[in-house]
Amino acid sequence: MDKLIQKIEQIPTIPMVSQRIMEIAGDEKASFKDFVRIIEKDQALAAKILRVANSAFYGFLSRVSSLEHALVILGINEVKSIVLGCSVYNFFSHGQNDAFDRTRFWKHAITCSQVAKLLGAHFNIRNGDSLFLSGLIHDIGKIVLDQYFHEDFLQIIEHISLTKTTFSKAEKKILGTTHCQIAAKVLKQWRFPDEVIMQILYHHAPWHDKNYRTNSIIIYLANVLTKLAGHPCHPDEKQIDLHEFANSSEVDFIIRSGFDLDYEATKKLISDIQEFILVEANNVMRLFE
């Protein structure tokens, strides 16, 4: 475990543009123009922000065609989330192996980010600015394992394929820790917001989150519903049964936490998600192609 931690601590930081965005997002004197000046230096990033702004989820009546317009419409915190999410993707965009399909991984991640936003609106969640980012990078610990602990990760994938278990159980067996804990360690090094770190750390167990439980429940649900909608992270991981999930102790906990969620409501949400994916097939769902 000491060697694992030591290697994680040697992972380089994310690009300066993202660090600068985090800095000025916390500066009350910063203006929209300050953000625009930084983002304009990266045209690929600017294009991705506009693609998200024009997604079906936001449903604006007119097309968002400029960064200034996107900042006004989305807000600074939302744009910050998009910038950080894209930076994490760019950092881990290299590397591919036959056992783990990165395209499938990012399709799951993008879907989860959009589902998190959809659930935030559905359940009238306040302070949901971090949902897109947390949904997008909730599984980033898996990419850290693939890129920096490749041989161990191959053993994890092999164990999943043989036993049809979950990533977390396979990771604990092989490494003694999980992708959730590894992601939290990396994001803390990168000085990501505590809210995002906690949502990712507890996205399989929101009942342990004492500070951001509501949003952690949203990320937990987004991950589950994304899989139920047909977009798991890996084809061999343990499948979720809708009936079992709807009648589980986990859903009981979610209902006790104030969420109106039963079998029919869950089924309807899955249908909405699948419809959204079809609508967004040529827009947000292709964000990282």
C-alpha atoms as a PDB file:
ATOM      1  CA  MET A   1       0.000   0.000   0.000  1.00  0.00           C
ATOM      2  CA  ASP A   2       2.907   2.381   0.750  1.00  0.00           C
ATOM      3  CA  LYS A   3       4.308   1.786  -2.761  1.00  0.00           C
ATOM      4  CA  LEU A   4       0.847   2.417  -4.222  1.00  0.00           C
ATOM      5  CA  ILE A   5       0.518   5.747  -2.408  1.00  0.00           C
ATOM      6  CA  GLN A   6       4.070   6.759  -3.308  1.00  0.00           C
ATOM      7  CA  LYS A   7       3.449   6.145  -7.003  1.00  0.00           C
ATOM      8  CA  ILE A   8       0.153   8.052  -6.943  1.00  0.00           C
ATOM      9  CA  GLU A   9       1.923  11.018  -5.341  1.00  0.00           C
ATOM     10  CA  GLN A  10       4.272  11.129  -8.344  1.00  0.00           C
ATOM     11  CA  ILE A  11       1.438  11.594 -10.864  1.00  0.00           C
ATOM     12  CA  PRO A  12       1.885  15.015 -12.556  1.00  0.00           C
ATOM     13  CA  THR A  13      -0.692  17.742 -12.094  1.00  0.00           C
ATOM     14  CA  ILE A  14      -3.356  18.781 -14.607  1.00  0.00           C
ATOM     15  CA  PRO A  15      -2.683  21.574 -17.147  1.00  0.00           C
ATOM     16  CA  MET A  16      -2.130  25.161 -16.030  1.00  0.00           C
ATOM     17  CA  VAL A  17      -5.334  26.373 -17.724  1.00  0.00           C
ATOM     18  CA  SER A  18      -7.408  24.234 -15.342  1.00  0.00           C
ATOM     19  CA  GLN A  19      -5.434  25.343 -12.316  1.00  0.00           C
ATOM     20  CA  ARG A  20      -5.971  28.957 -13.348  1.00  0.00           C
ATOM     21  CA  ILE A  21      -9.701  28.374 -13.845  1.00  0.00           C
ATOM     22  CA  MET A  22      -9.963  26.979 -10.300  1.00  0.00           C
ATOM     23  CA  GLU A  23      -8.109  29.989  -8.954  1.00  0.00           C
ATOM     24  CA  ILE A  24     -10.250  32.644 -10.593  1.00  0.00           C
ATOM     25  CA  ALA A  25     -13.462  30.715  -9.870  1.00  0.00           C
ATOM     26  CA  GLY A  26     -12.762  31.425  -6.222  1.00  0.00           C
ATOM     27  CA  ASP A  27     -11.927  35.081  -6.871  1.00  0.00           C
ATOM     28  CA  GLU A  28     -14.931  37.325  -6.280  1.00  0.00           C
ATOM     29  CA  LYS A  29     -13.324  40.048  -8.403  1.00  0.00           C
ATOM     30  CA  ALA A  30     -12.969  37.791 -11.455  1.00  0.00           C
ATOM     31  CA  SER A  31     -15.185  38.620 -14.423  1.00  0.00           C
ATOM     32  CA  PHE A  32     -16.591  36.639 -17.348  1.00  0.00           C
ATOM     33  CA  LYS A  33     -13.904  38.237 -19.513  1.00  0.00           C
ATOM     34  CA  ASP A  34     -11.176  36.740 -17.298  1.00  0.00           C
ATOM     35  CA  PHE A  35     -12.602  33.279 -17.929  1.00  0.00           C
ATOM     36  CA  VAL A  36     -13.013  33.887 -21.633  1.00  0.00           C
ATOM     37  CA  ARG A  37      -9.397  35.066 -22.021  1.00  0.00           C
ATOM     38  CA  ILE A  38      -8.093  31.844 -20.458  1.00  0.00           C
ATOM     39  CA  ILE A  39     -10.410  29.436 -22.271  1.00  0.00           C
ATOM     40  CA  GLU A  40      -9.944  31.095 -25.680  1.00  0.00           C
ATOM     41  CA  LYS A  41      -6.308  29.959 -25.626  1.00  0.00           C
ATOM     42  CA  ASP A  42      -7.538  26.363 -25.994  1.00  0.00           C
ATOM     43  CA  GLN A  43      -9.910  26.185 -28.953  1.00  0.00           C
ATOM     44  CA  ALA A  44     -10.638  22.483 -28.471  1.00  0.00           C
ATOM     45  CA  LEU A  45     -11.729  23.201 -24.912  1.00  0.00           C
ATOM     46  CA  ALA A  46     -13.863  26.148 -26.036  1.00  0.00           C
ATOM     47  CA  ALA A  47     -15.599  23.920 -28.590  1.00  0.00           C
ATOM     48  CA  LYS A  48     -16.390  21.327 -25.915  1.00  0.00           C
ATOM     49  CA  ILE A  49     -17.912  23.951 -23.635  1.00  0.00           C
ATOM     50  CA  LEU A  50     -20.175  25.090 -26.454  1.00  0.00           C
ATOM     51  CA  ARG A  51     -21.123  21.485 -27.240  1.00  0.00           C
ATOM     52  CA  VAL A  52     -22.225  20.929 -23.640  1.00  0.00           C
ATOM     53  CA  ALA A  53     -24.052  24.268 -23.574  1.00  0.00           C
ATOM     54  CA  ASN A  54     -26.015  23.219 -26.668  1.00  0.00           C
ATOM     55  CA  SER A  55     -26.948  19.787 -25.340  1.00  0.00           C
ATOM     56  CA  ALA A  56     -30.577  18.724 -25.185  1.00  0.00           C
ATOM     57  CA  PHE A  57     -30.409  18.726 -21.395  1.00  0.00           C
ATOM     58  CA  TYR A  58     -30.171  22.511 -21.190  1.00  0.00           C
ATOM     59  CA  GLY A  59     -32.797  22.965 -23.901  1.00  0.00           C
ATOM     60  CA  PHE A  60     -32.069  26.613 -24.700  1.00  0.00           C
ATOM     61  CA  LEU A  61     -34.376  28.180 -27.267  1.00  0.00           C
ATOM     62  CA  SER A  62     -31.497  29.618 -29.298  1.00  0.00           C
ATOM     63  CA  ARG A  63     -28.089  28.160 -30.090  1.00  0.00           C
ATOM     64  CA  VAL A  64     -25.245  29.149 -27.754  1.00  0.00           C
ATOM     65  CA  SER A  65     -22.577  30.369 -30.181  1.00  0.00           C
ATOM     66  CA  SER A  66     -19.966  32.145 -28.051  1.00  0.00           C
ATOM     67  CA  LEU A  67     -18.027  31.582 -24.851  1.00  0.00           C
ATOM     68  CA  GLU A  68     -19.459  34.771 -23.350  1.00  0.00           C
ATOM     69  CA  HIS A  69     -22.981  33.517 -24.031  1.00  0.00           C
ATOM     70  CA  ALA A  70     -22.134  30.095 -22.575  1.00  0.00           C
ATOM     71  CA  LEU A  71     -20.749  31.679 -19.408  1.00  0.00           C
ATOM     72  CA  VAL A  72     -23.840  33.826 -18.963  1.00  0.00           C
ATOM     73  CA  ILE A  73     -26.218  30.924 -19.613  1.00  0.00           C
ATOM     74  CA  LEU A  74     -24.355  28.167 -17.759  1.00  0.00           C
ATOM     75  CA  GLY A  75     -22.717  30.171 -15.013  1.00  0.00           C
ATOM     76  CA  ILE A  76     -19.102  30.203 -13.908  1.00  0.00           C
ATOM     77  CA  ASN A  77     -19.323  27.106 -11.693  1.00  0.00           C
ATOM     78  CA  GLU A  78     -20.827  25.015 -14.490  1.00  0.00           C
ATOM     79  CA  VAL A  79     -18.162  26.111 -16.962  1.00  0.00           C
ATOM     80  CA  LYS A  80     -15.480  25.397 -14.353  1.00  0.00           C
ATOM     81  CA  SER A  81     -16.822  21.843 -14.073  1.00  0.00           C
ATOM     82  CA  ILE A  82     -16.692  21.384 -17.849  1.00  0.00           C
ATOM     83  CA  VAL A  83     -13.115  22.721 -17.998  1.00  0.00           C
ATOM     84  CA  LEU A  84     -11.926  20.433 -15.198  1.00  0.00           C
ATOM     85  CA  GLY A  85     -13.702  17.429 -16.680  1.00  0.00           C
ATOM     86  CA  CYS A  86     -12.140  18.011 -20.089  1.00  0.00           C
ATOM     87  CA  SER A  87      -8.718  18.481 -18.502  1.00  0.00           C
ATOM     88  CA  VAL A  88      -8.969  15.152 -16.702  1.00  0.00           C
ATOM     89  CA  TYR A  89      -9.986  13.494 -19.960  1.00  0.00           C
ATOM     90  CA  ASN A  90      -7.081  15.060 -21.866  1.00  0.00           C
ATOM     91  CA  PHE A  91      -4.650  14.007 -19.144  1.00  0.00           C
ATOM     92  CA  PHE A  92      -5.776  10.376 -19.399  1.00  0.00           C
ATOM     93  CA  SER A  93      -6.636  10.260 -23.101  1.00  0.00           C
ATOM     94  CA  HIS A  94      -3.542   8.276 -24.039  1.00  0.00           C
ATOM     95  CA  GLY A  95      -3.158   4.558 -23.525  1.00  0.00           C
ATOM     96  CA  GLN A  96      -5.293   1.658 -24.594  1.00  0.00           C
ATOM     97  CA  ASN A  97      -5.260  -2.075 -24.008  1.00  0.00           C
ATOM     98  CA  ASP A  98      -7.292  -4.912 -25.451  1.00  0.00           C
ATOM     99  CA  ALA A  99      -8.752  -5.837 -22.066  1.00  0.00           C
ATOM    100  CA  PHE A 100     -10.182  -2.389 -21.306  1.00  0.00           C
ATOM    101  CA  ASP A 101     -12.022  -0.345 -23.927  1.00  0.00           C
ATOM    102  CA  ARG A 102     -11.401   3.360 -23.257  1.00  0.00           C
ATOM    103  CA  THR A 103     -14.119   4.359 -25.728  1.00  0.00           C
ATOM    104  CA  ARG A 104     -16.667   2.336 -23.752  1.00  0.00           C
ATOM    105  CA  PHE A 105     -15.283   3.804 -20.528  1.00  0.00           C
ATOM    106  CA  TRP A 106     -15.773   7.399 -21.686  1.00  0.00           C
ATOM    107  CA  LYS A 107     -19.220   6.623 -23.126  1.00  0.00           C
ATOM    108  CA  HIS A 108     -20.194   5.386 -19.653  1.00  0.00           C
ATOM    109  CA  ALA A 109     -18.627   8.477 -18.071  1.00  0.00           C
ATOM    110  CA  ILE A 110     -20.313  11.005 -20.392  1.00  0.00           C
ATOM    111  CA  THR A 111     -23.669   9.276 -20.008  1.00  0.00           C
ATOM    112  CA  CYS A 112     -23.263   9.330 -16.245  1.00  0.00           C
ATOM    113  CA  SER A 113     -22.463  13.052 -16.280  1.00  0.00           C
ATOM    114  CA  GLN A 114     -25.644  13.784 -18.230  1.00  0.00           C
ATOM    115  CA  VAL A 115     -27.735  11.444 -16.080  1.00  0.00           C
ATOM    116  CA  ALA A 116     -26.421  13.191 -12.965  1.00  0.00           C
ATOM    117  CA  LYS A 117     -27.613  16.523 -14.381  1.00  0.00           C
ATOM    118  CA  LEU A 118     -30.958  14.990 -15.343  1.00  0.00           C
ATOM    119  CA  LEU A 119     -31.420  13.574 -11.831  1.00  0.00           C
ATOM    120  CA  GLY A 120     -30.433  16.881 -10.274  1.00  0.00           C
ATOM    121  CA  ALA A 121     -33.258  18.573 -12.176  1.00  0.00           C
ATOM    122  CA  HIS A 122     -35.695  15.687 -11.595  1.00  0.00           C
ATOM    123  CA  PHE A 123     -35.215  15.762  -7.826  1.00  0.00           C
ATOM    124  CA  ASN A 124     -34.896  19.573  -7.631  1.00  0.00           C
ATOM    125  CA  ILE A 125     -31.397  19.419  -6.172  1.00  0.00           C
ATOM    126  CA  ARG A 126     -29.974  22.744  -5.075  1.00  0.00           C
ATOM    127  CA  ASN A 127     -26.255  23.444  -5.424  1.00  0.00           C
ATOM    128  CA  GLY A 128     -25.918  20.904  -8.225  1.00  0.00           C
ATOM    129  CA  ASP A 129     -23.085  22.670 -10.065  1.00  0.00           C
ATOM    130  CA  SER A 130     -20.670  19.820  -9.350  1.00  0.00           C
ATOM    131  CA  LEU A 131     -22.910  17.014 -10.654  1.00  0.00           C
ATOM    132  CA  PHE A 132     -21.664  17.154 -14.262  1.00  0.00           C
ATOM    133  CA  LEU A 133     -18.016  17.007 -13.183  1.00  0.00           C
ATOM    134  CA  SER A 134     -18.490  14.325 -10.530  1.00  0.00           C
ATOM    135  CA  GLY A 135     -20.521  12.199 -12.924  1.00  0.00           C
ATOM    136  CA  LEU A 136     -17.929  12.572 -15.672  1.00  0.00           C
ATOM    137  CA  ILE A 137     -14.896  11.590 -13.577  1.00  0.00           C
ATOM    138  CA  HIS A 138     -16.477   9.292 -10.973  1.00  0.00           C
ATOM    139  CA  ASP A 139     -14.551   6.274 -12.329  1.00  0.00           C
ATOM    140  CA  ILE A 140     -11.261   8.037 -13.053  1.00  0.00           C
ATOM    141  CA  GLY A 141      -9.544   5.789 -10.510  1.00  0.00           C
ATOM    142  CA  LYS A 142      -9.880   2.943 -13.029  1.00  0.00           C
ATOM    143  CA  ILE A 143      -7.909   4.924 -15.603  1.00  0.00           C
ATOM    144  CA  VAL A 144      -5.262   5.722 -12.973  1.00  0.00           C
ATOM    145  CA  LEU A 145      -4.943   1.983 -12.357  1.00  0.00           C
ATOM    146  CA  ASP A 146      -4.770   1.201 -16.066  1.00  0.00           C
ATOM    147  CA  GLN A 147      -2.158   3.870 -16.751  1.00  0.00           C
ATOM    148  CA  TYR A 148       0.053   3.663 -13.655  1.00  0.00           C
ATOM    149  CA  PHE A 149      -0.561   0.151 -12.284  1.00  0.00           C
ATOM    150  CA  HIS A 150      -1.135  -1.619 -15.567  1.00  0.00           C
ATOM    151  CA  GLU A 151      -0.161  -5.192 -14.609  1.00  0.00           C
ATOM    152  CA  ASP A 152      -2.321  -5.071 -11.480  1.00  0.00           C
ATOM    153  CA  PHE A 153      -5.176  -3.634 -13.527  1.00  0.00           C
ATOM    154  CA  LEU A 154      -4.944  -6.491 -16.024  1.00  0.00           C
ATOM    155  CA  GLN A 155      -5.310  -8.917 -13.105  1.00  0.00           C
ATOM    156  CA  ILE A 156      -8.370  -6.974 -11.934  1.00  0.00           C
ATOM    157  CA  ILE A 157      -9.962  -7.147 -15.396  1.00  0.00           C
ATOM    158  CA  GLU A 158      -9.186 -10.859 -15.649  1.00  0.00           C
ATOM    159  CA  HIS A 159     -10.793 -11.478 -12.243  1.00  0.00           C
ATOM    160  CA  ILE A 160     -13.903  -9.541 -13.317  1.00  0.00           C
ATOM    161  CA  SER A 161     -14.141 -11.505 -16.562  1.00  0.00           C
ATOM    162  CA  LEU A 162     -13.813 -14.849 -14.769  1.00  0.00           C
ATOM    163  CA  THR A 163     -16.134 -14.173 -11.828  1.00  0.00           C
ATOM    164  CA  LYS A 164     -18.536 -11.491 -13.205  1.00  0.00           C
ATOM    165  CA  THR A 165     -17.977  -9.507 -10.027  1.00  0.00           C
ATOM    166  CA  THR A 166     -17.810  -5.736  -9.474  1.00  0.00           C
ATOM    167  CA  PHE A 167     -14.730  -3.607 -10.003  1.00  0.00           C
ATOM    168  CA  SER A 168     -14.585  -2.713  -6.306  1.00  0.00           C
ATOM    169  CA  LYS A 169     -14.567  -6.344  -5.163  1.00  0.00           C
ATOM    170  CA  ALA A 170     -11.925  -7.286  -7.739  1.00  0.00           C
ATOM    171  CA  GLU A 171      -9.780  -4.276  -6.792  1.00  0.00           C
ATOM    172  CA  LYS A 172      -9.936  -5.090  -3.088  1.00  0.00           C
ATOM    173  CA  LYS A 173      -8.914  -8.670  -3.796  1.00  0.00           C
ATOM    174  CA  ILE A 174      -5.950  -7.729  -6.021  1.00  0.00           C
ATOM    175  CA  LEU A 175      -4.828  -4.408  -4.496  1.00  0.00           C
ATOM    176  CA  GLY A 176      -6.554  -4.030  -1.156  1.00  0.00           C
ATOM    177  CA  THR A 177      -8.084  -0.698  -2.193  1.00  0.00           C
ATOM    178  CA  THR A 178     -10.607   0.576  -4.754  1.00  0.00           C
ATOM    179  CA  HIS A 179     -10.787   2.978  -7.685  1.00  0.00           C
ATOM    180  CA  CYS A 180     -12.890   5.301  -5.496  1.00  0.00           C
ATOM    181  CA  GLN A 181     -10.114   5.737  -2.935  1.00  0.00           C
ATOM    182  CA  ILE A 182      -7.433   6.068  -5.605  1.00  0.00           C
ATOM    183  CA  ALA A 183      -9.452   8.744  -7.444  1.00  0.00           C
ATOM    184  CA  ALA A 184      -9.984  10.699  -4.221  1.00  0.00           C
ATOM    185  CA  LYS A 185      -6.230  10.633  -3.527  1.00  0.00           C
ATOM    186  CA  VAL A 186      -5.355  11.934  -7.005  1.00  0.00           C
ATOM    187  CA  LEU A 187      -8.060  14.626  -7.009  1.00  0.00           C
ATOM    188  CA  LYS A 188      -6.978  15.829  -3.576  1.00  0.00           C
ATOM    189  CA  GLN A 189      -3.422  16.223  -4.919  1.00  0.00           C
ATOM    190  CA  TRP A 190      -4.862  18.248  -7.797  1.00  0.00           C
ATOM    191  CA  ARG A 191      -6.776  20.458  -5.321  1.00  0.00           C
ATOM    192  CA  PHE A 192     -10.201  19.665  -6.719  1.00  0.00           C
ATOM    193  CA  PRO A 193     -13.188  20.906  -4.681  1.00  0.00           C
ATOM    194  CA  ASP A 194     -13.886  18.832  -1.562  1.00  0.00           C
ATOM    195  CA  GLU A 195     -17.477  18.335  -2.703  1.00  0.00           C
ATOM    196  CA  VAL A 196     -16.334  16.627  -5.907  1.00  0.00           C
ATOM    197  CA  ILE A 197     -13.747  14.497  -4.101  1.00  0.00           C
ATOM    198  CA  MET A 198     -16.326  13.247  -1.592  1.00  0.00           C
ATOM    199  CA  GLN A 199     -18.954  12.495  -4.245  1.00  0.00           C
ATOM    200  CA  ILE A 200     -16.418  10.383  -6.131  1.00  0.00           C
ATOM    201  CA  LEU A 201     -15.053   8.700  -3.002  1.00  0.00           C
ATOM    202  CA  TYR A 202     -18.582   7.662  -1.959  1.00  0.00           C
ATOM    203  CA  HIS A 203     -20.218   7.041  -5.340  1.00  0.00           C
ATOM    204  CA  HIS A 204     -20.693   3.376  -4.392  1.00  0.00           C
ATOM    205  CA  ALA A 205     -21.597   4.106  -0.762  1.00  0.00           C
ATOM    206  CA  PRO A 206     -23.269   7.528  -0.328  1.00  0.00           C
ATOM    207  CA  TRP A 207     -24.548   6.491   3.124  1.00  0.00           C
ATOM    208  CA  HIS A 208     -20.985   7.066   4.397  1.00  0.00           C
ATOM    209  CA  ASP A 209     -20.856  10.668   3.163  1.00  0.00           C
ATOM    210  CA  LYS A 210     -21.597  12.936   6.140  1.00  0.00           C
ATOM    211  CA  ASN A 211     -21.150  16.272   4.363  1.00  0.00           C
ATOM    212  CA  TYR A 212     -22.442  15.980   0.773  1.00  0.00           C
ATOM    213  CA  ARG A 213     -24.807  13.033   1.053  1.00  0.00           C
ATOM    214  CA  THR A 214     -27.555  14.334  -1.252  1.00  0.00           C
ATOM    215  CA  ASN A 215     -25.222  14.892  -4.192  1.00  0.00           C
ATOM    216  CA  SER A 216     -23.364  11.638  -3.498  1.00  0.00           C
ATOM    217  CA  ILE A 217     -26.706   9.847  -3.750  1.00  0.00           C
ATOM    218  CA  ILE A 218     -27.250  11.517  -7.125  1.00  0.00           C
ATOM    219  CA  ILE A 219     -23.859  10.289  -8.417  1.00  0.00           C
ATOM    220  CA  TYR A 220     -24.560   6.805  -7.018  1.00  0.00           C
ATOM    221  CA  LEU A 221     -27.925   6.731  -8.791  1.00  0.00           C
ATOM    222  CA  ALA A 222     -26.473   8.162 -12.014  1.00  0.00           C
ATOM    223  CA  ASN A 223     -23.894   5.380 -12.103  1.00  0.00           C
ATOM    224  CA  VAL A 224     -26.483   2.646 -11.458  1.00  0.00           C
ATOM    225  CA  LEU A 225     -29.021   4.030 -13.940  1.00  0.00           C
ATOM    226  CA  THR A 226     -26.352   4.472 -16.616  1.00  0.00           C
ATOM    227  CA  LYS A 227     -25.568   0.769 -16.296  1.00  0.00           C
ATOM    228  CA  LEU A 228     -29.244  -0.187 -16.294  1.00  0.00           C
ATOM    229  CA  ALA A 229     -29.708   1.924 -19.442  1.00  0.00           C
ATOM    230  CA  GLY A 230     -27.163  -0.308 -21.191  1.00  0.00           C
ATOM    231  CA  HIS A 231     -23.856   1.497 -20.719  1.00  0.00           C
ATOM    232  CA  PRO A 232     -21.651  -0.315 -18.181  1.00  0.00           C
ATOM    233  CA  CYS A 233     -17.975   0.501 -17.867  1.00  0.00           C
ATOM    234  CA  HIS A 234     -16.942  -3.059 -18.820  1.00  0.00           C
ATOM    235  CA  PRO A 235     -19.102  -5.750 -20.489  1.00  0.00           C
ATOM    236  CA  ASP A 236     -18.074  -8.469 -18.011  1.00  0.00           C
ATOM    237  CA  GLU A 237     -18.733  -6.625 -14.748  1.00  0.00           C
ATOM    238  CA  LYS A 238     -21.610  -7.752 -12.545  1.00  0.00           C
ATOM    239  CA  GLN A 239     -24.939  -6.778 -14.082  1.00  0.00           C
ATOM    240  CA  ILE A 240     -27.584  -4.951 -12.071  1.00  0.00           C
ATOM    241  CA  ASP A 241     -31.092  -6.397 -11.978  1.00  0.00           C
ATOM    242  CA  LEU A 242     -33.761  -3.679 -11.950  1.00  0.00           C
ATOM    243  CA  HIS A 243     -36.198  -5.611  -9.743  1.00  0.00           C
ATOM    244  CA  GLU A 244     -33.498  -6.481  -7.211  1.00  0.00           C
ATOM    245  CA  PHE A 245     -32.213  -2.912  -7.177  1.00  0.00           C
ATOM    246  CA  ALA A 246     -35.691  -1.378  -6.736  1.00  0.00           C
ATOM    247  CA  ASN A 247     -36.279  -3.623  -3.713  1.00  0.00           C
ATOM    248  CA  SER A 248     -32.811  -3.319  -2.210  1.00  0.00           C
ATOM    249  CA  SER A 249     -31.690  -1.861   1.108  1.00  0.00           C
ATOM    250  CA  GLU A 250     -29.778   0.750  -0.902  1.00  0.00           C
ATOM    251  CA  VAL A 251     -32.993   2.085  -2.428  1.00  0.00           C
ATOM    252  CA  ASP A 252     -34.636   1.999   1.000  1.00  0.00           C
ATOM    253  CA  PHE A 253     -31.840   4.258   2.218  1.00  0.00           C
ATOM    254  CA  ILE A 254     -32.310   6.600  -0.766  1.00  0.00           C
ATOM    255  CA  ILE A 255     -36.066   6.825  -0.121  1.00  0.00           C
ATOM    256  CA  ARG A 256     -35.454   7.519   3.587  1.00  0.00           C
ATOM    257  CA  SER A 257     -33.100  10.300   2.479  1.00  0.00           C
ATOM    258  CA  GLY A 258     -36.011  12.090   0.827  1.00  0.00           C
ATOM    259  CA  PHE A 259     -35.948  10.746  -2.736  1.00  0.00           C
ATOM    260  CA  ASP A 260     -39.191   9.563  -4.348  1.00  0.00           C
ATOM    261  CA  LEU A 261     -37.891   6.403  -6.017  1.00  0.00           C
ATOM    262  CA  ASP A 262     -39.766   3.146  -6.597  1.00  0.00           C
ATOM    263  CA  TYR A 263     -39.712   0.507  -9.332  1.00  0.00           C
ATOM    264  CA  GLU A 264     -41.949   2.421 -11.771  1.00  0.00           C
ATOM    265  CA  ALA A 265     -40.135   5.710 -11.185  1.00  0.00           C
ATOM    266  CA  THR A 266     -36.788   3.998 -11.773  1.00  0.00           C
ATOM    267  CA  LYS A 267     -38.080   2.335 -14.943  1.00  0.00           C
ATOM    268  CA  LYS A 268     -39.324   5.702 -16.241  1.00  0.00           C
ATOM    269  CA  LEU A 269     -35.961   7.335 -15.526  1.00  0.00           C
ATOM    270  CA  ILE A 270     -34.164   4.599 -17.467  1.00  0.00           C
ATOM    271  CA  SER A 271     -36.493   5.168 -20.427  1.00  0.00           C
ATOM    272  CA  ASP A 272     -35.823   8.935 -20.272  1.00  0.00           C
ATOM    273  CA  ILE A 273     -32.074   8.295 -20.173  1.00  0.00           C
ATOM    274  CA  GLN A 274     -32.186   6.020 -23.211  1.00  0.00           C
ATOM    275  CA  GLU A 275     -34.220   8.605 -25.125  1.00  0.00           C
ATOM    276  CA  PHE A 276     -31.777  11.360 -24.154  1.00  0.00           C
ATOM    277  CA  ILE A 277     -28.811   9.285 -25.382  1.00  0.00           C
ATOM    278  CA  LEU A 278     -30.478   8.875 -28.775  1.00  0.00           C
ATOM    279  CA  VAL A 279     -31.164  12.610 -29.036  1.00  0.00           C
ATOM    280  CA  GLU A 280     -27.594  13.477 -28.053  1.00  0.00           C
ATOM    281  CA  ALA A 281     -25.916  10.811 -30.218  1.00  0.00           C
ATOM    282  CA  ASN A 282     -24.167  13.428 -32.361  1.00  0.00           C
ATOM    283  CA  ASN A 283     -23.526  16.044 -29.688  1.00  0.00           C
ATOM    284  CA  VAL A 284     -22.599  15.540 -26.036  1.00  0.00           C
ATOM    285  CA  MET A 285     -22.361  11.747 -26.399  1.00  0.00           C
ATOM    286  CA  ARG A 286     -19.458  12.347 -28.802  1.00  0.00           C
ATOM    287  CA  LEU A 287     -17.780  14.915 -26.564  1.00  0.00           C
ATOM    288  CA  PHE A 288     -14.418  13.145 -26.457  1.00  0.00           C
ATOM    289  CA  GLU A 289     -14.130  11.704 -29.953  1.00  0.00           C
END
